[in-house]
Amino acid sequence: PALPTPPAKTIGPGEVIFSKLVDKMDATFDYTFKCDQPISELTEEVSIIATLEN
């Protein structure tokens, strides 16, 4: 039988995922935008850089 899926974990800068122990990884991106003034229009562009090392 398949092993149960481990619970989700949020990692931060400097934390390591040992890729030789991981067959698959799902990733998400979340952010919060705060402003003191009303916003009538907003466009966002983000870049995510991941380093995978062997």
PDB file of N, CA and C in Angstrom:
ATOM      1  N   PRO A   1       0.821  -1.203   0.000  1.00  0.00           N
ATOM      2  CA  PRO A   1       0.000   0.000   0.000  1.00  0.00           C
ATOM      3  C   PRO A   1       0.860   1.261   0.000  1.00  0.00           C
ATOM      4  N   ALA A   2       0.319   2.324  -0.547  1.00  0.00           N
ATOM      5  CA  ALA A   2       1.044   3.601  -0.594  1.00  0.00           C
ATOM      6  C   ALA A   2       1.157   4.190   0.807  1.00  0.00           C
ATOM      7  N   LEU A   3       2.262   4.883   1.040  1.00  0.00           N
ATOM      8  CA  LEU A   3       2.460   5.552   2.320  1.00  0.00           C
ATOM      9  C   LEU A   3       1.589   6.798   2.380  1.00  0.00           C
ATOM     10  N   PRO A   4       1.131   7.183   3.564  1.00  0.00           N
ATOM     11  CA  PRO A   4       0.319   8.402   3.666  1.00  0.00           C
ATOM     12  C   PRO A   4       1.143   9.633   3.313  1.00  0.00           C
ATOM     13  N   THR A   5       0.473  10.632   2.766  1.00  0.00           N
ATOM     14  CA  THR A   5       1.139  11.888   2.419  1.00  0.00           C
ATOM     15  C   THR A   5       1.466  12.646   3.698  1.00  0.00           C
ATOM     16  N   PRO A   6       2.726  13.080   3.847  1.00  0.00           N
ATOM     17  CA  PRO A   6       3.063  13.847   5.054  1.00  0.00           C
ATOM     18  C   PRO A   6       2.369  15.207   5.030  1.00  0.00           C
ATOM     19  N   PRO A   7       2.200  15.827   6.190  1.00  0.00           N
ATOM     20  CA  PRO A   7       1.541  17.139   6.228  1.00  0.00           C
ATOM     21  C   PRO A   7       2.366  18.200   5.503  1.00  0.00           C
ATOM     22  N   ALA A   8       1.689  19.235   5.005  1.00  0.00           N
ATOM     23  CA  ALA A   8       2.376  20.336   4.311  1.00  0.00           C
ATOM     24  C   ALA A   8       3.281  21.074   5.286  1.00  0.00           C
ATOM     25  N   LYS A   9       4.399  21.590   4.769  1.00  0.00           N
ATOM     26  CA  LYS A   9       5.340  22.340   5.593  1.00  0.00           C
ATOM     27  C   LYS A   9       5.741  23.594   4.839  1.00  0.00           C
ATOM     28  N   THR A  10       5.740  24.715   5.505  1.00  0.00           N
ATOM     29  CA  THR A  10       6.214  25.965   4.929  1.00  0.00           C
ATOM     30  C   THR A  10       7.684  26.106   5.274  1.00  0.00           C
ATOM     31  N   ILE A  11       8.512  26.312   4.243  1.00  0.00           N
ATOM     32  CA  ILE A  11       9.940  26.498   4.497  1.00  0.00           C
ATOM     33  C   ILE A  11      10.317  27.939   4.232  1.00  0.00           C
ATOM     34  N   GLY A  12      11.370  28.366   4.859  1.00  0.00           N
ATOM     35  CA  GLY A  12      11.839  29.735   4.700  1.00  0.00           C
ATOM     36  C   GLY A  12      13.267  29.760   4.210  1.00  0.00           C
ATOM     37  N   PRO A  13      13.844  30.945   4.088  1.00  0.00           N
ATOM     38  CA  PRO A  13      15.221  31.083   3.619  1.00  0.00           C
ATOM     39  C   PRO A  13      16.177  30.261   4.480  1.00  0.00           C
ATOM     40  N   GLY A  14      17.062  29.554   3.816  1.00  0.00           N
ATOM     41  CA  GLY A  14      18.079  28.781   4.518  1.00  0.00           C
ATOM     42  C   GLY A  14      17.636  27.395   4.944  1.00  0.00           C
ATOM     43  N   GLU A  15      16.338  27.086   4.845  1.00  0.00           N
ATOM     44  CA  GLU A  15      15.880  25.745   5.194  1.00  0.00           C
ATOM     45  C   GLU A  15      16.124  24.814   4.009  1.00  0.00           C
ATOM     46  N   VAL A  16      16.371  23.553   4.294  1.00  0.00           N
ATOM     47  CA  VAL A  16      16.790  22.599   3.269  1.00  0.00           C
ATOM     48  C   VAL A  16      15.748  21.495   3.108  1.00  0.00           C
ATOM     49  N   ILE A  17      15.507  21.106   1.856  1.00  0.00           N
ATOM     50  CA  ILE A  17      14.735  19.905   1.541  1.00  0.00           C
ATOM     51  C   ILE A  17      15.731  18.925   0.933  1.00  0.00           C
ATOM     52  N   PHE A  18      15.829  17.752   1.490  1.00  0.00           N
ATOM     53  CA  PHE A  18      16.773  16.754   0.996  1.00  0.00           C
ATOM     54  C   PHE A  18      16.154  16.038  -0.197  1.00  0.00           C
ATOM     55  N   SER A  19      16.558  16.444  -1.407  1.00  0.00           N
ATOM     56  CA  SER A  19      15.914  15.972  -2.635  1.00  0.00           C
ATOM     57  C   SER A  19      16.081  14.477  -2.865  1.00  0.00           C
ATOM     58  N   LYS A  20      17.120  13.863  -2.316  1.00  0.00           N
ATOM     59  CA  LYS A  20      17.278  12.418  -2.498  1.00  0.00           C
ATOM     60  C   LYS A  20      16.239  11.644  -1.694  1.00  0.00           C
ATOM     61  N   LEU A  21      15.578  12.309  -0.762  1.00  0.00           N
ATOM     62  CA  LEU A  21      14.530  11.672   0.030  1.00  0.00           C
ATOM     63  C   LEU A  21      13.138  12.025  -0.476  1.00  0.00           C
ATOM     64  N   VAL A  22      13.071  12.874  -1.509  1.00  0.00           N
ATOM     65  CA  VAL A  22      11.786  13.367  -2.008  1.00  0.00           C
ATOM     66  C   VAL A  22      11.620  12.946  -3.460  1.00  0.00           C
ATOM     67  N   ASP A  23      10.521  12.234  -3.767  1.00  0.00           N
ATOM     68  CA  ASP A  23      10.227  11.853  -5.151  1.00  0.00           C
ATOM     69  C   ASP A  23       9.517  12.973  -5.899  1.00  0.00           C
ATOM     70  N   LYS A  24       8.700  13.732  -5.187  1.00  0.00           N
ATOM     71  CA  LYS A  24       7.859  14.752  -5.808  1.00  0.00           C
ATOM     72  C   LYS A  24       7.628  15.868  -4.799  1.00  0.00           C
ATOM     73  N   MET A  25       7.501  17.096  -5.302  1.00  0.00           N
ATOM     74  CA  MET A  25       7.235  18.218  -4.413  1.00  0.00           C
ATOM     75  C   MET A  25       6.286  19.187  -5.109  1.00  0.00           C
ATOM     76  N   ASP A  26       5.200  19.549  -4.449  1.00  0.00           N
ATOM     77  CA  ASP A  26       4.287  20.583  -4.929  1.00  0.00           C
ATOM     78  C   ASP A  26       4.656  21.874  -4.214  1.00  0.00           C
ATOM     79  N   ALA A  27       4.652  22.978  -4.935  1.00  0.00           N
ATOM     80  CA  ALA A  27       5.024  24.259  -4.333  1.00  0.00           C
ATOM     81  C   ALA A  27       3.934  25.290  -4.605  1.00  0.00           C
ATOM     82  N   THR A  28       3.760  26.202  -3.667  1.00  0.00           N
ATOM     83  CA  THR A  28       2.833  27.316  -3.839  1.00  0.00           C
ATOM     84  C   THR A  28       3.537  28.605  -3.446  1.00  0.00           C
ATOM     85  N   PHE A  29       2.976  29.716  -3.875  1.00  0.00           N
ATOM     86  CA  PHE A  29       3.523  31.031  -3.569  1.00  0.00           C
ATOM     87  C   PHE A  29       2.395  31.874  -2.997  1.00  0.00           C
ATOM     88  N   ASP A  30       2.656  32.573  -1.911  1.00  0.00           N
ATOM     89  CA  ASP A  30       1.644  33.399  -1.265  1.00  0.00           C
ATOM     90  C   ASP A  30       2.292  34.703  -0.817  1.00  0.00           C
ATOM     91  N   TYR A  31       1.572  35.794  -0.942  1.00  0.00           N
ATOM     92  CA  TYR A  31       2.098  37.075  -0.483  1.00  0.00           C
ATOM     93  C   TYR A  31       0.949  37.937   0.032  1.00  0.00           C
ATOM     94  N   THR A  32       1.286  38.980   0.759  1.00  0.00           N
ATOM     95  CA  THR A  32       0.311  39.936   1.268  1.00  0.00           C
ATOM     96  C   THR A  32       0.725  41.331   0.824  1.00  0.00           C
ATOM     97  N   PHE A  33      -0.218  42.084   0.285  1.00  0.00           N
ATOM     98  CA  PHE A  33       0.029  43.455  -0.139  1.00  0.00           C
ATOM     99  C   PHE A  33      -0.713  44.374   0.815  1.00  0.00           C
ATOM    100  N   LYS A  34      -0.002  45.297   1.437  1.00  0.00           N
ATOM    101  CA  LYS A  34      -0.622  46.247   2.363  1.00  0.00           C
ATOM    102  C   LYS A  34      -0.304  47.667   1.904  1.00  0.00           C
ATOM    103  N   CYS A  35      -1.298  48.540   2.001  1.00  0.00           N
ATOM    104  CA  CYS A  35      -1.119  49.919   1.580  1.00  0.00           C
ATOM    105  C   CYS A  35      -1.978  50.824   2.460  1.00  0.00           C
ATOM    106  N   ASP A  36      -1.464  52.016   2.744  1.00  0.00           N
ATOM    107  CA  ASP A  36      -2.199  52.974   3.567  1.00  0.00           C
ATOM    108  C   ASP A  36      -3.252  53.753   2.776  1.00  0.00           C
ATOM    109  N   GLN A  37      -3.167  53.737   1.448  1.00  0.00           N
ATOM    110  CA  GLN A  37      -4.086  54.486   0.593  1.00  0.00           C
ATOM    111  C   GLN A  37      -4.917  53.513  -0.245  1.00  0.00           C
ATOM    112  N   PRO A  38      -6.124  53.925  -0.685  1.00  0.00           N
ATOM    113  CA  PRO A  38      -6.936  53.072  -1.559  1.00  0.00           C
ATOM    114  C   PRO A  38      -6.221  52.816  -2.893  1.00  0.00           C
ATOM    115  N   ILE A  39      -6.373  51.636  -3.426  1.00  0.00           N
ATOM    116  CA  ILE A  39      -5.776  51.249  -4.707  1.00  0.00           C
ATOM    117  C   ILE A  39      -6.910  51.036  -5.709  1.00  0.00           C
ATOM    118  N   SER A  40      -6.842  51.718  -6.860  1.00  0.00           N
ATOM    119  CA  SER A  40      -7.889  51.554  -7.868  1.00  0.00           C
ATOM    120  C   SER A  40      -7.510  50.501  -8.904  1.00  0.00           C
ATOM    121  N   GLU A  41      -6.219  50.287  -9.106  1.00  0.00           N
ATOM    122  CA  GLU A  41      -5.767  49.287 -10.079  1.00  0.00           C
ATOM    123  C   GLU A  41      -4.416  48.764  -9.623  1.00  0.00           C
ATOM    124  N   LEU A  42      -4.218  47.470  -9.768  1.00  0.00           N
ATOM    125  CA  LEU A  42      -2.974  46.864  -9.306  1.00  0.00           C
ATOM    126  C   LEU A  42      -2.565  45.760 -10.264  1.00  0.00           C
ATOM    127  N   THR A  43      -1.331  45.794 -10.696  1.00  0.00           N
ATOM    128  CA  THR A  43      -0.761  44.738 -11.521  1.00  0.00           C
ATOM    129  C   THR A  43       0.485  44.223 -10.816  1.00  0.00           C
ATOM    130  N   GLU A  44       0.609  42.925 -10.720  1.00  0.00           N
ATOM    131  CA  GLU A  44       1.753  42.319 -10.038  1.00  0.00           C
ATOM    132  C   GLU A  44       2.532  41.435 -10.997  1.00  0.00           C
ATOM    133  N   GLU A  45       3.829  41.463 -10.874  1.00  0.00           N
ATOM    134  CA  GLU A  45       4.707  40.540 -11.591  1.00  0.00           C
ATOM    135  C   GLU A  45       5.757  40.077 -10.595  1.00  0.00           C
ATOM    136  N   VAL A  46       5.902  38.780 -10.450  1.00  0.00           N
ATOM    137  CA  VAL A  46       6.865  38.245  -9.491  1.00  0.00           C
ATOM    138  C   VAL A  46       7.792  37.263 -10.190  1.00  0.00           C
ATOM    139  N   SER A  47       8.960  37.093  -9.618  1.00  0.00           N
ATOM    140  CA  SER A  47       9.910  36.077 -10.069  1.00  0.00           C
ATOM    141  C   SER A  47      10.224  35.187  -8.880  1.00  0.00           C
ATOM    142  N   ILE A  48      10.230  33.908  -9.115  1.00  0.00           N
ATOM    143  CA  ILE A  48      10.588  32.949  -8.074  1.00  0.00           C
ATOM    144  C   ILE A  48      11.811  32.193  -8.561  1.00  0.00           C
ATOM    145  N   ILE A  49      12.842  32.203  -7.752  1.00  0.00           N
ATOM    146  CA  ILE A  49      14.074  31.502  -8.105  1.00  0.00           C
ATOM    147  C   ILE A  49      14.265  30.361  -7.118  1.00  0.00           C
ATOM    148  N   ALA A  50      14.394  29.165  -7.637  1.00  0.00           N
ATOM    149  CA  ALA A  50      14.656  27.994  -6.795  1.00  0.00           C
ATOM    150  C   ALA A  50      15.979  27.385  -7.231  1.00  0.00           C
ATOM    151  N   THR A  51      16.789  27.025  -6.280  1.00  0.00           N
ATOM    152  CA  THR A  51      18.059  26.379  -6.578  1.00  0.00           C
ATOM    153  C   THR A  51      17.952  24.915  -6.189  1.00  0.00           C
ATOM    154  N   LEU A  52      18.093  24.042  -7.172  1.00  0.00           N
ATOM    155  CA  LEU A  52      18.088  22.604  -6.920  1.00  0.00           C
ATOM    156  C   LEU A  52      19.512  22.108  -7.096  1.00  0.00           C
ATOM    157  N   GLU A  53      20.061  21.537  -6.064  1.00  0.00           N
ATOM    158  CA  GLU A  53      21.440  21.061  -6.108  1.00  0.00           C
ATOM    159  C   GLU A  53      21.468  19.557  -5.944  1.00  0.00           C
ATOM    160  N   ASN A  54      22.458  18.949  -6.536  1.00  0.00           N
ATOM    161  CA  ASN A  54      22.628  17.508  -6.421  1.00  0.00           C
ATOM    162  C   ASN A  54      23.882  17.218  -5.628  1.00  0.00           C
TER     163      ASN A  54
END
